[in-house]
Amino acid sequence: MQVYAGWNGQWVQTKGDKVDWEKFMDDTVENITVLSKEVPQTAKGFNAMGLAAKTPGALDEKTKEIMALGIAIATRCDSCIGFHIKSLIRLGITRAELCEALAMATFMGGGPSYAYSAKALQAFDVFSAD
């Protein structure tokens, strides 16, 4: 089943009433791979920018990923939430740290960010169980 997921027009696979995060992210990676072959210079530039932005400096990578997750929540980007949650799990975020970050995202973004923060927590539960 597909369910319309928000103002940004993303269609998200569901399992009952929950997002099938594994399938959704697999489909997203597949779609990005196809696009990247069509626009290789853009993909190369975007990847280089991401590597530069994530390089530890005054802020460590985990802090930068928490910031990126907050922006993903504020912009209501389901796939961005999935990518940044996966990165944060790789970087060792705890559920308590994530929930504090989600509280701040909710505070700054209001009701819509509250709903997308709940999605982020669900994604964390799915991907951290792997």
N, C-alpha and C. Protein backbone atom coordinates (compact mmCIF):
# COMPACT_ATOMS: atom_id res chain seq x y z
N MET A 1 0.84 -1.17 0.00
CA MET A 1 0.00 0.00 0.00
C MET A 1 0.89 1.24 0.00
N GLN A 2 0.46 2.30 -0.70
CA GLN A 2 1.17 3.57 -0.66
C GLN A 2 0.28 4.60 0.00
N VAL A 3 0.91 5.45 0.79
CA VAL A 3 0.18 6.51 1.49
C VAL A 3 0.87 7.83 1.19
N TYR A 4 0.10 8.87 0.91
CA TYR A 4 0.67 10.19 0.68
C TYR A 4 1.24 10.70 1.99
N ALA A 5 2.50 11.12 1.98
CA ALA A 5 3.20 11.40 3.22
C ALA A 5 3.35 12.87 3.56
N GLY A 6 2.93 13.79 2.73
CA GLY A 6 3.10 15.17 3.16
C GLY A 6 3.09 16.16 2.02
N TRP A 7 3.29 17.39 2.38
CA TRP A 7 3.22 18.49 1.42
C TRP A 7 4.27 18.40 0.34
N ASN A 8 5.37 17.69 0.60
CA ASN A 8 6.44 17.61 -0.38
C ASN A 8 6.19 16.55 -1.44
N GLY A 9 5.03 15.88 -1.37
CA GLY A 9 4.63 14.98 -2.44
C GLY A 9 5.28 13.61 -2.42
N GLN A 10 5.97 13.25 -1.35
CA GLN A 10 6.60 11.94 -1.29
C GLN A 10 5.56 10.86 -1.01
N TRP A 11 5.68 9.76 -1.72
CA TRP A 11 4.86 8.58 -1.46
C TRP A 11 5.69 7.62 -0.65
N VAL A 12 5.13 7.12 0.43
CA VAL A 12 5.89 6.28 1.35
C VAL A 12 5.19 4.93 1.49
N GLN A 13 5.96 3.86 1.32
CA GLN A 13 5.44 2.51 1.53
C GLN A 13 5.09 2.33 3.00
N THR A 14 4.00 1.65 3.27
CA THR A 14 3.61 1.43 4.65
C THR A 14 3.42 -0.05 4.93
N LYS A 15 3.58 -0.41 6.20
CA LYS A 15 3.23 -1.72 6.74
C LYS A 15 2.10 -1.43 7.71
N GLY A 16 0.87 -1.68 7.28
CA GLY A 16 -0.26 -1.28 8.12
C GLY A 16 -0.30 0.23 8.19
N ASP A 17 -0.15 0.76 9.40
CA ASP A 17 -0.16 2.22 9.55
C ASP A 17 1.22 2.78 9.83
N LYS A 18 2.27 1.96 9.64
CA LYS A 18 3.64 2.43 9.88
C LYS A 18 4.43 2.45 8.58
N VAL A 19 5.35 3.40 8.50
CA VAL A 19 6.21 3.50 7.32
C VAL A 19 7.12 2.27 7.25
N ASP A 20 7.23 1.70 6.06
CA ASP A 20 8.19 0.62 5.81
C ASP A 20 9.51 1.29 5.46
N TRP A 21 10.25 1.68 6.50
CA TRP A 21 11.47 2.46 6.31
C TRP A 21 12.51 1.74 5.46
N GLU A 22 12.64 0.43 5.62
CA GLU A 22 13.63 -0.33 4.84
C GLU A 22 13.32 -0.23 3.35
N LYS A 23 12.08 -0.49 2.96
CA LYS A 23 11.69 -0.44 1.56
C LYS A 23 11.77 0.99 1.03
N PHE A 24 11.28 1.94 1.81
CA PHE A 24 11.32 3.33 1.39
C PHE A 24 12.74 3.78 1.10
N MET A 25 13.68 3.46 2.00
CA MET A 25 15.06 3.90 1.80
C MET A 25 15.74 3.13 0.66
N ASP A 26 15.43 1.84 0.51
CA ASP A 26 15.97 1.09 -0.63
C ASP A 26 15.51 1.70 -1.95
N ASP A 27 14.22 2.05 -2.03
CA ASP A 27 13.68 2.69 -3.24
C ASP A 27 14.33 4.05 -3.47
N THR A 28 14.54 4.80 -2.40
CA THR A 28 15.16 6.12 -2.52
C THR A 28 16.58 6.01 -3.06
N VAL A 29 17.35 5.08 -2.53
CA VAL A 29 18.73 4.89 -3.00
C VAL A 29 18.72 4.47 -4.48
N GLU A 30 17.81 3.60 -4.83
CA GLU A 30 17.70 3.17 -6.24
C GLU A 30 17.37 4.36 -7.14
N ASN A 31 16.44 5.19 -6.73
CA ASN A 31 16.07 6.36 -7.52
C ASN A 31 17.22 7.36 -7.64
N ILE A 32 17.94 7.57 -6.55
CA ILE A 32 19.08 8.48 -6.58
C ILE A 32 20.18 7.94 -7.48
N THR A 33 20.38 6.63 -7.46
CA THR A 33 21.38 6.00 -8.33
C THR A 33 21.05 6.24 -9.80
N VAL A 34 19.79 6.08 -10.16
CA VAL A 34 19.36 6.32 -11.54
C VAL A 34 19.60 7.78 -11.92
N LEU A 35 19.18 8.70 -11.07
CA LEU A 35 19.38 10.12 -11.35
C LEU A 35 20.86 10.46 -11.45
N SER A 36 21.67 9.90 -10.57
CA SER A 36 23.11 10.19 -10.56
C SER A 36 23.78 9.81 -11.87
N LYS A 37 23.30 8.74 -12.50
CA LYS A 37 23.85 8.33 -13.79
C LYS A 37 23.49 9.34 -14.89
N GLU A 38 22.36 10.00 -14.72
CA GLU A 38 21.92 11.00 -15.70
C GLU A 38 22.63 12.34 -15.51
N VAL A 39 22.98 12.66 -14.27
CA VAL A 39 23.62 13.94 -13.96
C VAL A 39 24.88 13.69 -13.13
N PRO A 40 25.88 13.04 -13.72
CA PRO A 40 27.05 12.62 -12.93
C PRO A 40 27.84 13.77 -12.32
N GLN A 41 27.93 14.89 -13.00
CA GLN A 41 28.68 16.01 -12.44
C GLN A 41 27.96 16.60 -11.24
N THR A 42 26.66 16.68 -11.31
CA THR A 42 25.88 17.17 -10.18
C THR A 42 26.03 16.22 -9.00
N ALA A 43 25.93 14.93 -9.26
CA ALA A 43 26.09 13.93 -8.19
C ALA A 43 27.47 14.01 -7.57
N LYS A 44 28.49 14.15 -8.40
CA LYS A 44 29.86 14.26 -7.91
C LYS A 44 30.02 15.51 -7.03
N GLY A 45 29.47 16.62 -7.48
CA GLY A 45 29.55 17.86 -6.71
C GLY A 45 28.80 17.77 -5.39
N PHE A 46 27.61 17.18 -5.44
CA PHE A 46 26.81 17.03 -4.22
C PHE A 46 27.52 16.14 -3.21
N ASN A 47 28.10 15.04 -3.69
CA ASN A 47 28.83 14.13 -2.79
C ASN A 47 30.06 14.82 -2.20
N ALA A 48 30.77 15.60 -3.00
CA ALA A 48 31.94 16.33 -2.49
C ALA A 48 31.53 17.34 -1.44
N MET A 49 30.41 18.03 -1.68
CA MET A 49 29.93 19.01 -0.71
C MET A 49 29.55 18.31 0.60
N GLY A 50 28.90 17.16 0.50
CA GLY A 50 28.53 16.40 1.70
C GLY A 50 29.74 15.97 2.50
N LEU A 51 30.76 15.47 1.80
CA LEU A 51 31.99 15.05 2.50
C LEU A 51 32.65 16.23 3.19
N ALA A 52 32.70 17.36 2.53
CA ALA A 52 33.31 18.56 3.12
C ALA A 52 32.51 19.03 4.34
N ALA A 53 31.21 19.04 4.22
CA ALA A 53 30.36 19.53 5.32
C ALA A 53 30.45 18.62 6.54
N LYS A 54 30.63 17.32 6.33
CA LYS A 54 30.66 16.36 7.44
C LYS A 54 32.04 16.19 8.07
N THR A 55 33.06 16.76 7.45
CA THR A 55 34.42 16.62 7.99
C THR A 55 34.49 17.28 9.36
N PRO A 56 34.96 16.52 10.36
CA PRO A 56 35.05 17.10 11.71
C PRO A 56 35.98 18.32 11.74
N GLY A 57 35.56 19.31 12.46
CA GLY A 57 36.34 20.53 12.67
C GLY A 57 35.99 21.02 14.07
N ALA A 58 35.50 22.23 14.17
CA ALA A 58 35.04 22.74 15.46
C ALA A 58 33.87 21.91 15.98
N LEU A 59 33.08 21.35 15.05
CA LEU A 59 31.98 20.45 15.41
C LEU A 59 32.31 19.05 14.93
N ASP A 60 31.97 18.05 15.74
CA ASP A 60 32.18 16.68 15.29
C ASP A 60 31.07 16.25 14.34
N GLU A 61 31.28 15.13 13.66
CA GLU A 61 30.32 14.66 12.66
C GLU A 61 28.95 14.38 13.27
N LYS A 62 28.92 13.84 14.47
CA LYS A 62 27.65 13.52 15.12
C LYS A 62 26.82 14.79 15.35
N THR A 63 27.46 15.85 15.81
CA THR A 63 26.76 17.11 16.03
C THR A 63 26.22 17.65 14.71
N LYS A 64 27.01 17.55 13.66
CA LYS A 64 26.58 18.01 12.35
C LYS A 64 25.39 17.19 11.84
N GLU A 65 25.40 15.89 12.09
CA GLU A 65 24.29 15.05 11.66
C GLU A 65 23.01 15.35 12.46
N ILE A 66 23.16 15.68 13.73
CA ILE A 66 21.99 16.08 14.53
C ILE A 66 21.39 17.36 13.94
N MET A 67 22.25 18.30 13.54
CA MET A 67 21.78 19.53 12.90
C MET A 67 21.06 19.19 11.59
N ALA A 68 21.65 18.31 10.81
CA ALA A 68 21.05 17.92 9.53
C ALA A 68 19.70 17.26 9.74
N LEU A 69 19.57 16.44 10.78
CA LEU A 69 18.28 15.81 11.08
C LEU A 69 17.24 16.87 11.42
N GLY A 70 17.62 17.86 12.20
CA GLY A 70 16.69 18.94 12.53
C GLY A 70 16.20 19.67 11.29
N ILE A 71 17.11 19.89 10.35
CA ILE A 71 16.73 20.55 9.10
C ILE A 71 15.82 19.62 8.28
N ALA A 72 16.13 18.34 8.25
CA ALA A 72 15.29 17.37 7.53
C ALA A 72 13.88 17.35 8.09
N ILE A 73 13.77 17.42 9.40
CA ILE A 73 12.45 17.46 10.05
C ILE A 73 11.73 18.75 9.69
N ALA A 74 12.43 19.87 9.77
CA ALA A 74 11.82 21.17 9.48
C ALA A 74 11.35 21.27 8.03
N THR A 75 12.08 20.64 7.11
CA THR A 75 11.72 20.70 5.69
C THR A 75 10.82 19.54 5.28
N ARG A 76 10.51 18.67 6.23
CA ARG A 76 9.58 17.54 6.02
C ARG A 76 10.06 16.61 4.92
N CYS A 77 11.33 16.26 4.98
CA CYS A 77 11.96 15.40 3.97
C CYS A 77 12.13 13.99 4.54
N ASP A 78 11.21 13.10 4.20
CA ASP A 78 11.26 11.72 4.72
C ASP A 78 12.57 11.02 4.40
N SER A 79 13.02 11.11 3.13
CA SER A 79 14.25 10.42 2.77
C SER A 79 15.45 11.01 3.50
N CYS A 80 15.47 12.33 3.69
CA CYS A 80 16.56 12.96 4.45
C CYS A 80 16.56 12.46 5.89
N ILE A 81 15.38 12.34 6.47
CA ILE A 81 15.28 11.81 7.83
C ILE A 81 15.89 10.42 7.87
N GLY A 82 15.54 9.57 6.92
CA GLY A 82 16.10 8.22 6.88
C GLY A 82 17.61 8.20 6.77
N PHE A 83 18.17 9.00 5.85
CA PHE A 83 19.62 9.03 5.68
C PHE A 83 20.33 9.52 6.95
N HIS A 84 19.81 10.58 7.56
CA HIS A 84 20.48 11.14 8.73
C HIS A 84 20.30 10.28 9.97
N ILE A 85 19.16 9.62 10.10
CA ILE A 85 19.00 8.67 11.21
C ILE A 85 20.00 7.53 11.06
N LYS A 86 20.15 7.00 9.85
CA LYS A 86 21.13 5.92 9.64
C LYS A 86 22.55 6.39 9.99
N SER A 87 22.89 7.60 9.59
CA SER A 87 24.22 8.13 9.92
C SER A 87 24.39 8.29 11.43
N LEU A 88 23.36 8.79 12.10
CA LEU A 88 23.44 8.98 13.55
C LEU A 88 23.56 7.65 14.28
N ILE A 89 22.90 6.62 13.80
CA ILE A 89 23.06 5.29 14.41
C ILE A 89 24.49 4.82 14.23
N ARG A 90 25.04 5.01 13.03
CA ARG A 90 26.45 4.64 12.78
C ARG A 90 27.39 5.40 13.72
N LEU A 91 27.03 6.63 14.04
CA LEU A 91 27.87 7.47 14.91
C LEU A 91 27.59 7.26 16.39
N GLY A 92 26.67 6.36 16.72
CA GLY A 92 26.46 5.97 18.11
C GLY A 92 25.47 6.81 18.90
N ILE A 93 24.54 7.49 18.24
CA ILE A 93 23.57 8.27 19.00
C ILE A 93 22.73 7.35 19.87
N THR A 94 22.43 7.81 21.06
CA THR A 94 21.55 7.05 21.95
C THR A 94 20.11 7.52 21.72
N ARG A 95 19.18 6.71 22.17
CA ARG A 95 17.76 7.10 22.07
C ARG A 95 17.52 8.39 22.88
N ALA A 96 18.15 8.52 24.03
CA ALA A 96 17.98 9.71 24.86
C ALA A 96 18.50 10.95 24.14
N GLU A 97 19.68 10.86 23.51
CA GLU A 97 20.22 12.00 22.75
C GLU A 97 19.30 12.36 21.59
N LEU A 98 18.83 11.34 20.90
CA LEU A 98 17.93 11.58 19.77
C LEU A 98 16.65 12.27 20.24
N CYS A 99 16.08 11.79 21.32
CA CYS A 99 14.83 12.39 21.81
C CYS A 99 15.02 13.84 22.23
N GLU A 100 16.18 14.18 22.80
CA GLU A 100 16.44 15.59 23.12
C GLU A 100 16.52 16.43 21.85
N ALA A 101 17.18 15.90 20.82
CA ALA A 101 17.26 16.61 19.55
C ALA A 101 15.87 16.76 18.93
N LEU A 102 15.05 15.72 19.03
CA LEU A 102 13.69 15.78 18.48
C LEU A 102 12.83 16.78 19.25
N ALA A 103 13.05 16.90 20.55
CA ALA A 103 12.33 17.90 21.33
C ALA A 103 12.67 19.31 20.84
N MET A 104 13.94 19.56 20.55
CA MET A 104 14.34 20.87 20.05
C MET A 104 13.77 21.13 18.66
N ALA A 105 13.79 20.11 17.80
CA ALA A 105 13.22 20.25 16.46
C ALA A 105 11.72 20.57 16.55
N THR A 106 11.04 19.91 17.48
CA THR A 106 9.61 20.15 17.68
C THR A 106 9.37 21.57 18.18
N PHE A 107 10.17 22.00 19.14
CA PHE A 107 10.06 23.35 19.68
C PHE A 107 10.21 24.40 18.57
N MET A 108 11.20 24.20 17.71
CA MET A 108 11.49 25.19 16.68
C MET A 108 10.50 25.13 15.52
N GLY A 109 9.93 23.96 15.26
CA GLY A 109 9.08 23.81 14.08
C GLY A 109 7.59 23.64 14.35
N GLY A 110 7.21 23.51 15.61
CA GLY A 110 5.79 23.38 15.93
C GLY A 110 5.19 22.05 15.53
N GLY A 111 3.89 22.08 15.29
CA GLY A 111 3.13 20.85 15.02
C GLY A 111 3.68 19.99 13.90
N PRO A 112 3.97 20.56 12.71
CA PRO A 112 4.51 19.72 11.65
C PRO A 112 5.82 19.03 12.05
N SER A 113 6.68 19.74 12.76
CA SER A 113 7.94 19.13 13.18
C SER A 113 7.71 18.07 14.26
N TYR A 114 6.66 18.22 15.04
CA TYR A 114 6.29 17.19 16.03
C TYR A 114 5.97 15.88 15.31
N ALA A 115 5.17 15.97 14.25
CA ALA A 115 4.80 14.78 13.48
C ALA A 115 6.02 14.16 12.80
N TYR A 116 6.89 14.98 12.23
CA TYR A 116 8.07 14.45 11.55
C TYR A 116 9.12 13.96 12.54
N SER A 117 9.15 14.52 13.74
CA SER A 117 10.03 14.00 14.79
C SER A 117 9.58 12.59 15.18
N ALA A 118 8.27 12.38 15.22
CA ALA A 118 7.76 11.04 15.52
C ALA A 118 8.18 10.05 14.44
N LYS A 119 8.17 10.50 13.18
CA LYS A 119 8.65 9.65 12.09
C LYS A 119 10.14 9.32 12.28
N ALA A 120 10.91 10.32 12.68
CA ALA A 120 12.34 10.10 12.89
C ALA A 120 12.58 9.07 14.00
N LEU A 121 11.80 9.15 15.06
CA LEU A 121 11.94 8.17 16.15
C LEU A 121 11.57 6.78 15.66
N GLN A 122 10.52 6.69 14.85
CA GLN A 122 10.14 5.39 14.29
C GLN A 122 11.27 4.84 13.40
N ALA A 123 11.87 5.69 12.58
CA ALA A 123 12.99 5.27 11.73
C ALA A 123 14.15 4.79 12.59
N PHE A 124 14.44 5.50 13.68
CA PHE A 124 15.50 5.09 14.59
C PHE A 124 15.22 3.69 15.14
N ASP A 125 13.99 3.46 15.55
CA ASP A 125 13.63 2.14 16.10
C ASP A 125 13.81 1.04 15.06
N VAL A 126 13.43 1.31 13.82
CA VAL A 126 13.57 0.32 12.76
C VAL A 126 15.04 0.06 12.44
N PHE A 127 15.79 1.12 12.19
CA PHE A 127 17.18 0.95 11.75
C PHE A 127 18.12 0.53 12.87
N SER A 128 17.82 0.87 14.11
CA SER A 128 18.70 0.45 15.20
C SER A 128 18.44 -1.00 15.59
N ALA A 129 17.32 -1.55 15.13
CA ALA A 129 17.02 -2.97 15.40
C ALA A 129 17.79 -3.89 14.45
N ASP A 130 18.32 -3.33 13.35
CA ASP A 130 19.06 -4.14 12.36
C ASP A 130 20.32 -4.72 12.91
